[in-house]
């Protein structure tokens, strides 16, 4: 089941990422004030908050962990593999910048990219946005561990525990003078924040506990961003742009999910917004390859216009031919002999099972 207000958030997130990548490549000087807002970071953070909010919904009707992972793999990998194949073909035919990446590519690099393990294996990433997909699977592993390890009333407090852990790690990194991947760690915390909101709305977390979870999250974000992008310097992202992106994503997600007026707003009934939200995953994967593909046939302004139209068109086709069939396959009732998550998980309650 798709919720209109979540499709609206997906639409905002993917358009922010596309705008960031297109403008910084085509008009870096003119668009500098916009780029300093950190639109790309904002979009990815918002995606992780949404993921933390919706993954528990999908678990409600999932009979066992094996089915959960099969559905997640079918949701993520087929479209990613198609995009990866497009990138490889573009590289083989000499289209920049993929020709440089593909040249001298080893089989191991190809395997680790296909399995979204390239960052852990030290291989070059063939698709720029694929790092977030690797992190998405880390989030899936985290929620599996949470559901197997904690009782319902204590699940959402994992966000506070993880926030506290990040604060401690950040302080230790200062003492050791060793910068860690703070942005990625905080993305996982964003997913946990979305999970905490889901628990609050389904009465697995009290109002007091939810407020406390948000306060600890905010404190963690301040400490982690100041240390990760203030005390330590990042070559591409400034503290100001990162802070703006995180504040904006937090406010938009919290206000939209927490307001009945916004949830039921007519804006969310727009067919355009719904389509962009539905196609957001394909748009996210395809927008950079498409831009490079049309770069040789148009000027800068034409490139921006043509690339945008081509990306949305290709995403619509790919969603219909690739995403939708595999999503439907994952939703089929599959009877597999494996240990169920719990007896309550098989009950289609429409909310997170009470373990």
Foldseek 3Di string as FASTA:
>chain_A
DDFLLLLLLLLQLLVLLLCLVLCCVQPVPVCVVVNLLVSNLLSLLLVLLSLLQCLLLVLLQDFADVLSVLLVCLQPQFLLVVLLVLLLVCLVVPFPPSVVLNVVDDPVLVVCQSVLNCVVVVHDHSFVVSVSVNLVVVLVVVVLCLLLPDFLLCSLCVLLVLLVVLLVVLVVCVVVVHADPLSSSLSSSSSSLSNNVQSPVVVSYDPVRNVVSVVSNVVSVVNSLCSNAPVDPDPPHHSSSNVSSVVVSVVSVCCCVVDPCNSPDCVSVDPVSSLCSLLSSQLNRCLVVLLSVCVVPDDSVVSSVVSVVVSSVVSVVCCVPRNVVSSVVSPDDDDDPDDTSDPQSNDSPSGRGRD
